[in-house]
Amino acid sequence: MKAIAVVPKVAEVVPARTMQFTNIIWRTVDDCFARRLQIIVNDSASFFITGDAYDQLDQWTDDTIQTLIFEKYGLAPL
């Protein structure tokens, strides 16, 4: 079959993945040369801090990472 041109559109092809948080643990992968920090939460969710946002972190601590996770996923401590 030949390709059929369509109006460009972003469409969901895989349902959104959700996760219930009852606690959090994390690990980080820091690549300072690429200005990229990966934060892996509960061994299943992850996100990146890159570029200027990475530079603004400066010397980050566990409290910094915890704050980033809380902001990213809308969490609050018990």
PDB file of N, CA and C in Angstrom:
ATOM      1  N   MET A   1       0.841  -1.171   0.000  1.00  0.00           N
ATOM      2  CA  MET A   1       0.000   0.000   0.000  1.00  0.00           C
ATOM      3  C   MET A   1       0.884   1.231   0.000  1.00  0.00           C
ATOM      4  N   LYS A   2       0.487   2.227  -0.717  1.00  0.00           N
ATOM      5  CA  LYS A   2       1.226   3.487  -0.776  1.00  0.00           C
ATOM      6  C   LYS A   2       0.832   4.367   0.404  1.00  0.00           C
ATOM      7  N   ALA A   3       1.758   5.189   0.840  1.00  0.00           N
ATOM      8  CA  ALA A   3       1.488   6.124   1.934  1.00  0.00           C
ATOM      9  C   ALA A   3       0.431   7.133   1.513  1.00  0.00           C
ATOM     10  N   ILE A   4      -0.451   7.468   2.416  1.00  0.00           N
ATOM     11  CA  ILE A   4      -1.498   8.448   2.170  1.00  0.00           C
ATOM     12  C   ILE A   4      -1.179   9.679   3.011  1.00  0.00           C
ATOM     13  N   ALA A   5      -1.047  10.821   2.404  1.00  0.00           N
ATOM     14  CA  ALA A   5      -0.735  12.059   3.114  1.00  0.00           C
ATOM     15  C   ALA A   5      -1.938  12.508   3.927  1.00  0.00           C
ATOM     16  N   VAL A   6      -1.693  12.978   5.140  1.00  0.00           N
ATOM     17  CA  VAL A   6      -2.744  13.492   6.012  1.00  0.00           C
ATOM     18  C   VAL A   6      -2.299  14.810   6.621  1.00  0.00           C
ATOM     19  N   VAL A   7      -3.244  15.555   7.150  1.00  0.00           N
ATOM     20  CA  VAL A   7      -2.919  16.779   7.868  1.00  0.00           C
ATOM     21  C   VAL A   7      -2.145  16.381   9.123  1.00  0.00           C
ATOM     22  N   PRO A   8      -0.969  16.976   9.377  1.00  0.00           N
ATOM     23  CA  PRO A   8      -0.182  16.602  10.552  1.00  0.00           C
ATOM     24  C   PRO A   8      -0.973  16.787  11.853  1.00  0.00           C
ATOM     25  N   LYS A   9      -0.879  15.805  12.729  1.00  0.00           N
ATOM     26  CA  LYS A   9      -1.573  15.844  14.010  1.00  0.00           C
ATOM     27  C   LYS A   9      -0.871  14.919  14.988  1.00  0.00           C
ATOM     28  N   VAL A  10      -0.760  15.347  16.245  1.00  0.00           N
ATOM     29  CA  VAL A  10      -0.234  14.493  17.300  1.00  0.00           C
ATOM     30  C   VAL A  10      -1.418  13.734  17.876  1.00  0.00           C
ATOM     31  N   ALA A  11      -1.320  12.411  17.914  1.00  0.00           N
ATOM     32  CA  ALA A  11      -2.399  11.573  18.425  1.00  0.00           C
ATOM     33  C   ALA A  11      -1.851  10.600  19.458  1.00  0.00           C
ATOM     34  N   GLU A  12      -2.624  10.330  20.475  1.00  0.00           N
ATOM     35  CA  GLU A  12      -2.214   9.370  21.487  1.00  0.00           C
ATOM     36  C   GLU A  12      -2.320   7.961  20.912  1.00  0.00           C
ATOM     37  N   VAL A  13      -1.209   7.231  20.930  1.00  0.00           N
ATOM     38  CA  VAL A  13      -1.214   5.872  20.388  1.00  0.00           C
ATOM     39  C   VAL A  13      -1.053   4.829  21.478  1.00  0.00           C
ATOM     40  N   VAL A  14      -0.659   5.269  22.661  1.00  0.00           N
ATOM     41  CA  VAL A  14      -0.553   4.386  23.821  1.00  0.00           C
ATOM     42  C   VAL A  14      -1.243   5.112  24.972  1.00  0.00           C
ATOM     43  N   PRO A  15      -2.119   4.455  25.698  1.00  0.00           N
ATOM     44  CA  PRO A  15      -2.795   5.133  26.806  1.00  0.00           C
ATOM     45  C   PRO A  15      -1.791   5.691  27.813  1.00  0.00           C
ATOM     46  N   ALA A  16      -2.180   6.759  28.457  1.00  0.00           N
ATOM     47  CA  ALA A  16      -1.319   7.377  29.466  1.00  0.00           C
ATOM     48  C   ALA A  16      -1.000   6.364  30.561  1.00  0.00           C
ATOM     49  N   ARG A  17       0.214   6.385  31.010  1.00  0.00           N
ATOM     50  CA  ARG A  17       0.641   5.473  32.070  1.00  0.00           C
ATOM     51  C   ARG A  17       0.515   6.202  33.403  1.00  0.00           C
ATOM     52  N   THR A  18      -0.161   5.603  34.347  1.00  0.00           N
ATOM     53  CA  THR A  18      -0.329   6.227  35.654  1.00  0.00           C
ATOM     54  C   THR A  18       0.311   5.359  36.732  1.00  0.00           C
ATOM     55  N   MET A  19       0.513   5.965  37.875  1.00  0.00           N
ATOM     56  CA  MET A  19       1.155   5.263  38.979  1.00  0.00           C
ATOM     57  C   MET A  19       0.673   5.885  40.278  1.00  0.00           C
ATOM     58  N   GLN A  20       0.349   5.076  41.264  1.00  0.00           N
ATOM     59  CA  GLN A  20      -0.019   5.605  42.572  1.00  0.00           C
ATOM     60  C   GLN A  20       1.227   5.654  43.436  1.00  0.00           C
ATOM     61  N   PHE A  21       1.481   6.821  44.011  1.00  0.00           N
ATOM     62  CA  PHE A  21       2.616   6.995  44.904  1.00  0.00           C
ATOM     63  C   PHE A  21       2.152   6.882  46.345  1.00  0.00           C
ATOM     64  N   THR A  22       2.813   6.032  47.121  1.00  0.00           N
ATOM     65  CA  THR A  22       2.584   5.988  48.558  1.00  0.00           C
ATOM     66  C   THR A  22       3.867   6.370  49.295  1.00  0.00           C
ATOM     67  N   ASN A  23       4.974   6.258  48.608  1.00  0.00           N
ATOM     68  CA  ASN A  23       6.272   6.715  49.094  1.00  0.00           C
ATOM     69  C   ASN A  23       7.161   6.909  47.873  1.00  0.00           C
ATOM     70  N   ILE A  24       8.298   7.530  48.072  1.00  0.00           N
ATOM     71  CA  ILE A  24       9.217   7.702  46.944  1.00  0.00           C
ATOM     72  C   ILE A  24      10.638   7.345  47.353  1.00  0.00           C
ATOM     73  N   ILE A  25      11.320   6.764  46.410  1.00  0.00           N
ATOM     74  CA  ILE A  25      12.770   6.594  46.466  1.00  0.00           C
ATOM     75  C   ILE A  25      13.273   7.043  45.109  1.00  0.00           C
ATOM     76  N   TRP A  26      14.514   7.413  45.025  1.00  0.00           N
ATOM     77  CA  TRP A  26      15.024   7.844  43.729  1.00  0.00           C
ATOM     78  C   TRP A  26      16.502   7.560  43.611  1.00  0.00           C
ATOM     79  N   ARG A  27      16.934   7.584  42.381  1.00  0.00           N
ATOM     80  CA  ARG A  27      18.363   7.571  42.076  1.00  0.00           C
ATOM     81  C   ARG A  27      18.569   8.541  40.932  1.00  0.00           C
ATOM     82  N   THR A  28      19.787   9.011  40.803  1.00  0.00           N
ATOM     83  CA  THR A  28      20.081  10.003  39.778  1.00  0.00           C
ATOM     84  C   THR A  28      21.222   9.526  38.899  1.00  0.00           C
ATOM     85  N   VAL A  29      21.197   9.993  37.663  1.00  0.00           N
ATOM     86  CA  VAL A  29      22.290   9.774  36.721  1.00  0.00           C
ATOM     87  C   VAL A  29      22.696  11.156  36.243  1.00  0.00           C
ATOM     88  N   ASP A  30      23.877  11.587  36.629  1.00  0.00           N
ATOM     89  CA  ASP A  30      24.347  12.940  36.347  1.00  0.00           C
ATOM     90  C   ASP A  30      25.387  12.909  35.238  1.00  0.00           C
ATOM     91  N   ASP A  31      25.144  13.645  34.162  1.00  0.00           N
ATOM     92  CA  ASP A  31      26.107  13.807  33.068  1.00  0.00           C
ATOM     93  C   ASP A  31      26.417  15.293  32.960  1.00  0.00           C
ATOM     94  N   CYS A  32      27.405  15.744  33.731  1.00  0.00           N
ATOM     95  CA  CYS A  32      27.710  17.170  33.784  1.00  0.00           C
ATOM     96  C   CYS A  32      28.244  17.706  32.454  1.00  0.00           C
ATOM     97  N   PHE A  33      28.906  16.869  31.667  1.00  0.00           N
ATOM     98  CA  PHE A  33      29.434  17.323  30.385  1.00  0.00           C
ATOM     99  C   PHE A  33      28.312  17.622  29.398  1.00  0.00           C
ATOM    100  N   ALA A  34      27.235  16.870  29.458  1.00  0.00           N
ATOM    101  CA  ALA A  34      26.076  17.093  28.591  1.00  0.00           C
ATOM    102  C   ALA A  34      25.037  17.990  29.257  1.00  0.00           C
ATOM    103  N   ARG A  35      25.316  18.430  30.523  1.00  0.00           N
ATOM    104  CA  ARG A  35      24.387  19.258  31.297  1.00  0.00           C
ATOM    105  C   ARG A  35      23.021  18.575  31.360  1.00  0.00           C
ATOM    106  N   ARG A  36      23.029  17.358  31.913  1.00  0.00           N
ATOM    107  CA  ARG A  36      21.810  16.550  31.935  1.00  0.00           C
ATOM    108  C   ARG A  36      21.772  15.699  33.202  1.00  0.00           C
ATOM    109  N   LEU A  37      20.676  15.811  33.947  1.00  0.00           N
ATOM    110  CA  LEU A  37      20.466  15.030  35.155  1.00  0.00           C
ATOM    111  C   LEU A  37      19.188  14.217  34.970  1.00  0.00           C
ATOM    112  N   GLN A  38      19.294  12.903  35.090  1.00  0.00           N
ATOM    113  CA  GLN A  38      18.121  12.042  35.025  1.00  0.00           C
ATOM    114  C   GLN A  38      17.748  11.655  36.444  1.00  0.00           C
ATOM    115  N   ILE A  39      16.474  11.798  36.775  1.00  0.00           N
ATOM    116  CA  ILE A  39      15.968  11.424  38.086  1.00  0.00           C
ATOM    117  C   ILE A  39      15.011  10.256  37.881  1.00  0.00           C
ATOM    118  N   ILE A  40      15.338   9.124  38.475  1.00  0.00           N
ATOM    119  CA  ILE A  40      14.545   7.906  38.337  1.00  0.00           C
ATOM    120  C   ILE A  40      13.819   7.687  39.665  1.00  0.00           C
ATOM    121  N   VAL A  41      12.496   7.680  39.608  1.00  0.00           N
ATOM    122  CA  VAL A  41      11.667   7.614  40.809  1.00  0.00           C
ATOM    123  C   VAL A  41      11.010   6.244  40.903  1.00  0.00           C
ATOM    124  N   ASN A  42      11.180   5.599  42.043  1.00  0.00           N
ATOM    125  CA  ASN A  42      10.567   4.287  42.322  1.00  0.00           C
ATOM    126  C   ASN A  42      10.864   3.268  41.223  1.00  0.00           C
ATOM    127  N   ASP A  43      12.009   3.368  40.618  1.00  0.00           N
ATOM    128  CA  ASP A  43      12.472   2.446  39.573  1.00  0.00           C
ATOM    129  C   ASP A  43      11.518   2.312  38.394  1.00  0.00           C
ATOM    130  N   SER A  44      10.601   3.266  38.218  1.00  0.00           N
ATOM    131  CA  SER A  44       9.702   3.131  37.069  1.00  0.00           C
ATOM    132  C   SER A  44       9.376   4.441  36.369  1.00  0.00           C
ATOM    133  N   ALA A  45       9.489   5.554  37.020  1.00  0.00           N
ATOM    134  CA  ALA A  45       9.224   6.844  36.382  1.00  0.00           C
ATOM    135  C   ALA A  45      10.532   7.627  36.353  1.00  0.00           C
ATOM    136  N   SER A  46      10.734   8.390  35.294  1.00  0.00           N
ATOM    137  CA  SER A  46      11.945   9.207  35.251  1.00  0.00           C
ATOM    138  C   SER A  46      11.686  10.485  34.476  1.00  0.00           C
ATOM    139  N   PHE A  47      12.501  11.477  34.764  1.00  0.00           N
ATOM    140  CA  PHE A  47      12.467  12.729  34.013  1.00  0.00           C
ATOM    141  C   PHE A  47      13.862  13.336  34.014  1.00  0.00           C
ATOM    142  N   PHE A  48      14.059  14.319  33.145  1.00  0.00           N
ATOM    143  CA  PHE A  48      15.371  14.915  32.941  1.00  0.00           C
ATOM    144  C   PHE A  48      15.351  16.395  33.281  1.00  0.00           C
ATOM    145  N   ILE A  49      16.467  16.868  33.812  1.00  0.00           N
ATOM    146  CA  ILE A  49      16.740  18.290  33.981  1.00  0.00           C
ATOM    147  C   ILE A  49      17.936  18.553  33.068  1.00  0.00           C
ATOM    148  N   THR A  50      17.775  19.449  32.094  1.00  0.00           N
ATOM    149  CA  THR A  50      18.830  19.656  31.105  1.00  0.00           C
ATOM    150  C   THR A  50      19.111  21.139  30.873  1.00  0.00           C
ATOM    151  N   GLY A  51      20.234  21.388  30.229  1.00  0.00           N
ATOM    152  CA  GLY A  51      20.587  22.733  29.773  1.00  0.00           C
ATOM    153  C   GLY A  51      20.664  23.753  30.887  1.00  0.00           C
ATOM    154  N   ASP A  52      20.005  24.898  30.660  1.00  0.00           N
ATOM    155  CA  ASP A  52      20.036  25.990  31.637  1.00  0.00           C
ATOM    156  C   ASP A  52      19.425  25.587  32.974  1.00  0.00           C
ATOM    157  N   ALA A  53      18.373  24.759  32.941  1.00  0.00           N
ATOM    158  CA  ALA A  53      17.763  24.292  34.195  1.00  0.00           C
ATOM    159  C   ALA A  53      18.769  23.474  34.993  1.00  0.00           C
ATOM    160  N   TYR A  54      19.583  22.690  34.298  1.00  0.00           N
ATOM    161  CA  TYR A  54      20.642  21.917  34.961  1.00  0.00           C
ATOM    162  C   TYR A  54      21.646  22.872  35.614  1.00  0.00           C
ATOM    163  N   ASP A  55      22.041  23.901  34.879  1.00  0.00           N
ATOM    164  CA  ASP A  55      23.005  24.870  35.419  1.00  0.00           C
ATOM    165  C   ASP A  55      22.459  25.579  36.652  1.00  0.00           C
ATOM    166  N   GLN A  56      21.160  25.868  36.661  1.00  0.00           N
ATOM    167  CA  GLN A  56      20.548  26.575  37.785  1.00  0.00           C
ATOM    168  C   GLN A  56      20.504  25.725  39.049  1.00  0.00           C
ATOM    169  N   LEU A  57      20.552  24.391  38.891  1.00  0.00           N
ATOM    170  CA  LEU A  57      20.571  23.530  40.074  1.00  0.00           C
ATOM    171  C   LEU A  57      21.832  23.739  40.889  1.00  0.00           C
ATOM    172  N   ASP A  58      22.932  24.050  40.206  1.00  0.00           N
ATOM    173  CA  ASP A  58      24.237  24.235  40.831  1.00  0.00           C
ATOM    174  C   ASP A  58      24.588  23.006  41.654  1.00  0.00           C
ATOM    175  N   GLN A  59      24.878  23.144  42.931  1.00  0.00           N
ATOM    176  CA  GLN A  59      25.244  22.017  43.787  1.00  0.00           C
ATOM    177  C   GLN A  59      23.985  21.474  44.433  1.00  0.00           C
ATOM    178  N   TRP A  60      23.360  20.472  43.824  1.00  0.00           N
ATOM    179  CA  TRP A  60      22.085  19.970  44.330  1.00  0.00           C
ATOM    180  C   TRP A  60      22.288  18.975  45.452  1.00  0.00           C
ATOM    181  N   THR A  61      21.242  18.838  46.273  1.00  0.00           N
ATOM    182  CA  THR A  61      21.248  17.927  47.418  1.00  0.00           C
ATOM    183  C   THR A  61      20.019  17.014  47.316  1.00  0.00           C
ATOM    184  N   ASP A  62      19.873  16.111  48.268  1.00  0.00           N
ATOM    185  CA  ASP A  62      18.675  15.263  48.313  1.00  0.00           C
ATOM    186  C   ASP A  62      17.413  16.109  48.458  1.00  0.00           C
ATOM    187  N   ASP A  63      17.496  17.188  49.217  1.00  0.00           N
ATOM    188  CA  ASP A  63      16.335  18.071  49.371  1.00  0.00           C
ATOM    189  C   ASP A  63      15.942  18.702  48.038  1.00  0.00           C
ATOM    190  N   THR A  64      16.935  19.063  47.239  1.00  0.00           N
ATOM    191  CA  THR A  64      16.670  19.626  45.910  1.00  0.00           C
ATOM    192  C   THR A  64      15.942  18.617  45.038  1.00  0.00           C
ATOM    193  N   ILE A  65      16.433  17.387  45.028  1.00  0.00           N
ATOM    194  CA  ILE A  65      15.827  16.336  44.209  1.00  0.00           C
ATOM    195  C   ILE A  65      14.412  16.039  44.700  1.00  0.00           C
ATOM    196  N   GLN A  66      14.222  15.961  46.005  1.00  0.00           N
ATOM    197  CA  GLN A  66      12.893  15.719  46.565  1.00  0.00           C
ATOM    198  C   GLN A  66      11.924  16.813  46.114  1.00  0.00           C
ATOM    199  N   THR A  67      12.340  18.057  46.163  1.00  0.00           N
ATOM    200  CA  THR A  67      11.499  19.172  45.730  1.00  0.00           C
ATOM    201  C   THR A  67      11.141  19.048  44.253  1.00  0.00           C
ATOM    202  N   LEU A  68      12.112  18.683  43.425  1.00  0.00           N
ATOM    203  CA  LEU A  68      11.848  18.506  41.994  1.00  0.00           C
ATOM    204  C   LEU A  68      10.819  17.408  41.747  1.00  0.00           C
ATOM    205  N   ILE A  69      10.942  16.310  42.481  1.00  0.00           N
ATOM    206  CA  ILE A  69       9.990  15.195  42.334  1.00  0.00           C
ATOM    207  C   ILE A  69       8.600  15.632  42.779  1.00  0.00           C
ATOM    208  N   PHE A  70       8.512  16.302  43.921  1.00  0.00           N
ATOM    209  CA  PHE A  70       7.212  16.770  44.410  1.00  0.00           C
ATOM    210  C   PHE A  70       6.552  17.701  43.396  1.00  0.00           C
ATOM    211  N   GLU A  71       7.336  18.609  42.808  1.00  0.00           N
ATOM    212  CA  GLU A  71       6.796  19.545  41.820  1.00  0.00           C
ATOM    213  C   GLU A  71       6.372  18.816  40.546  1.00  0.00           C
ATOM    214  N   LYS A  72       7.186  17.897  40.092  1.00  0.00           N
ATOM    215  CA  LYS A  72       6.907  17.183  38.840  1.00  0.00           C
ATOM    216  C   LYS A  72       5.606  16.381  38.918  1.00  0.00           C
ATOM    217  N   TYR A  73       5.400  15.670  40.019  1.00  0.00           N
ATOM    218  CA  TYR A  73       4.258  14.768  40.130  1.00  0.00           C
ATOM    219  C   TYR A  73       3.147  15.307  41.035  1.00  0.00           C
ATOM    220  N   GLY A  74       3.294  16.524  41.542  1.00  0.00           N
ATOM    221  CA  GLY A  74       2.258  17.112  42.390  1.00  0.00           C
ATOM    222  C   GLY A  74       2.098  16.382  43.707  1.00  0.00           C
ATOM    223  N   LEU A  75       3.198  15.943  44.297  1.00  0.00           N
ATOM    224  CA  LEU A  75       3.162  15.185  45.549  1.00  0.00           C
ATOM    225  C   LEU A  75       3.370  16.116  46.746  1.00  0.00           C
ATOM    226  N   ALA A  76       3.009  15.611  47.911  1.00  0.00           N
ATOM    227  CA  ALA A  76       3.244  16.327  49.174  1.00  0.00           C
ATOM    228  C   ALA A  76       3.601  15.292  50.226  1.00  0.00           C
ATOM    229  N   PRO A  77       4.486  15.647  51.163  1.00  0.00           N
ATOM    230  CA  PRO A  77       4.836  14.706  52.221  1.00  0.00           C
ATOM    231  C   PRO A  77       3.672  14.509  53.177  1.00  0.00           C
ATOM    232  N   LEU A  78       3.624  13.332  53.811  1.00  0.00           N
ATOM    233  CA  LEU A  78       2.597  13.068  54.834  1.00  0.00           C
ATOM    234  C   LEU A  78       2.917  13.798  56.108  1.00  0.00           C
TER     235      LEU A  78
END
